Protein backbone atom coordinates (compact mmCIF):
# COMPACT_ATOMS: atom_id res chain seq x y z
CA ALA A 1 3.99 18.56 -25.84
CA GLU A 2 2.59 21.88 -25.52
CA GLY A 3 -0.83 22.57 -23.97
CA ARG A 4 -0.06 19.55 -20.82
CA GLU A 5 -0.99 19.68 -17.47
CA GLY A 6 2.46 18.74 -15.36
CA LEU A 7 2.19 17.74 -12.21
CA ALA A 8 1.94 20.31 -9.05
CA PRO A 9 3.79 19.82 -5.61
CA THR A 10 -0.03 18.47 -4.07
CA ASP A 11 0.14 15.87 -6.84
CA TRP A 12 3.16 14.74 -6.12
CA ALA A 13 2.76 14.18 -2.37
CA LEU A 14 -0.49 12.20 -2.80
CA LEU A 15 1.50 10.10 -5.05
CA GLY A 16 4.26 9.84 -2.73
CA ALA A 17 1.53 9.06 0.39
CA GLY A 18 -0.15 6.05 -1.96
CA ALA A 19 3.71 4.66 -2.72
CA THR A 20 4.78 4.76 0.89
CA LEU A 21 1.14 3.01 2.02
CA ARG A 22 2.18 0.36 -0.32
CA PHE A 23 5.67 -0.11 0.86
CA LEU A 24 4.10 -0.34 4.23
CA ASP A 25 1.45 -2.66 3.37
CA TYR A 26 4.35 -5.04 1.63
CA LYS A 27 5.94 -4.91 4.60
CA SER A 28 3.09 -5.57 6.92
CA THR A 29 1.98 -8.65 5.00
CA VAL A 30 5.65 -10.06 4.48
CA LYS A 31 5.77 -9.92 8.41
CA ALA A 32 2.49 -11.58 9.26
CA MET A 33 3.12 -14.41 6.32
CA SER A 34 5.92 -15.26 8.56
CA ASP A 35 3.29 -16.54 11.03
CA PRO A 36 0.64 -18.59 8.71
CA ALA A 37 -0.38 -20.41 11.77
CA ASN A 38 -1.92 -16.89 13.41
CA PHE A 39 -2.30 -14.84 10.11
CA ARG A 40 -4.09 -15.70 6.58
CA GLU A 41 -4.28 -13.60 3.70
CA VAL A 42 -7.69 -12.45 2.75
CA GLU A 43 -7.55 -10.14 -0.54
CA LEU A 44 -4.87 -11.49 -2.59
CA PRO A 45 -3.69 -15.06 -3.38
CA ASN A 46 -1.80 -17.21 -1.36
CA ALA A 47 0.64 -18.22 -4.29
CA LEU A 48 1.27 -14.24 -4.56
CA VAL A 49 1.87 -13.45 -1.05
CA HIS A 50 3.83 -16.32 -0.39
CA CYS A 51 6.68 -15.23 -3.30
CA ARG A 52 8.33 -11.91 -2.13
CA PRO A 53 9.49 -11.64 -5.68
CA GLY A 54 5.97 -11.43 -6.61
CA LEU A 55 4.02 -9.52 -3.73
CA GLY A 56 7.05 -6.89 -4.72
CA ALA A 57 6.29 -6.81 -7.96
CA PHE A 58 2.51 -6.40 -7.53
CA GLU A 59 2.99 -3.48 -4.88
CA ALA A 60 5.46 -1.97 -7.69
CA SER A 61 3.27 -2.50 -10.37
CA THR A 62 -0.24 -1.10 -8.38
CA VAL A 63 2.30 2.39 -7.93
CA VAL A 64 3.45 2.41 -11.30
CA GLY A 65 -0.22 2.03 -12.49
CA ASN A 66 -1.12 4.26 -10.15
CA TYR A 67 1.12 7.48 -11.52
CA TYR A 68 0.11 6.54 -14.58
CA ALA A 69 -3.44 7.12 -14.16
CA TYR A 70 -2.88 9.99 -12.27
CA ARG A 71 -1.33 11.27 -14.72
CA PHE A 72 -3.76 10.65 -17.45
CA PHE A 73 -6.63 12.15 -15.64
CA VAL A 74 -4.32 15.07 -15.10
CA GLU A 75 -3.18 15.31 -18.72
CA HIS A 76 -7.03 15.33 -19.23
CA ARG A 77 -7.71 18.36 -17.34
CA HIS A 78 -9.34 16.47 -14.82
CA ARG A 79 -7.00 17.12 -11.54
CA THR A 80 -9.97 17.39 -9.47
CA LEU A 81 -10.91 13.46 -10.25
CA ALA A 82 -7.68 12.71 -9.85
CA ARG A 83 -6.83 14.02 -6.73
CA TRP A 84 -10.26 12.75 -5.29
CA GLY A 85 -9.67 9.24 -6.71
CA GLN A 86 -5.96 9.05 -4.81
CA ALA A 87 -7.66 10.32 -1.90
CA LEU A 88 -10.00 6.95 -2.21
CA ASN A 89 -6.89 4.96 -2.76
CA LEU A 90 -5.20 6.62 0.12
CA ALA A 91 -8.19 5.89 2.41
CA VAL A 92 -8.84 2.32 1.07
CA VAL A 93 -5.03 0.94 1.46
CA GLY A 94 -4.40 3.45 4.66
CA TRP A 95 -7.53 1.00 5.95
CA THR A 96 -5.95 -2.35 4.67
CA VAL A 97 -2.46 -1.09 6.18
CA GLY A 98 -3.70 0.50 9.61
CA ARG A 99 -6.15 -2.99 9.94
CA ASN A 100 -2.84 -5.39 9.09
CA TYR A 101 -0.53 -3.26 11.22
CA TYR A 102 -3.58 -3.39 14.08
CA GLU A 103 -3.65 -7.02 13.96
CA LEU A 104 0.05 -7.33 14.09
CA ASN A 105 0.35 -5.83 17.05
CA GLU A 106 -2.99 -7.00 19.06
CA PHE A 107 -2.55 -11.01 17.85
CA TRP A 108 1.31 -11.48 17.76
CA PRO A 109 2.92 -12.70 20.99
CA ARG A 110 4.58 -9.80 22.55
CA GLN A 111 7.80 -11.90 23.64
CA LYS A 112 8.13 -12.00 19.43
CA THR A 113 8.06 -8.39 18.66
CA LEU A 114 9.52 -7.13 21.80
CA GLY A 115 12.45 -9.37 22.74
CA PHE A 116 11.22 -10.50 26.16
CA GLU A 117 9.14 -12.44 27.63
CA ARG A 118 5.90 -10.80 29.25
CA LYS A 119 5.12 -11.95 32.82
């Protein structure tokens, strides 16, 4: 429609970063849930994280919802608000993904992750 604002390359980069973090969140959660004796989910329902298709659908739906919310703000001439909101989203999800991978790296026995036994 006439008068609508489109997404700029910076907007696509922010949305792409958000989608990438959601993928990494999925991968780290699946990896952690493969060892329930050492890891547990603290944010999402257990029924969701123990169902890979459900978790994948959840992560994908957050990417789609994020895109439409971002586009809504841009189309209503609030690009700065959309970018700040996305920056906050990246910070929160990035912290969560970082924590997931830190815990996997810190607490997962090295012989399992590297393929050899530590002496």
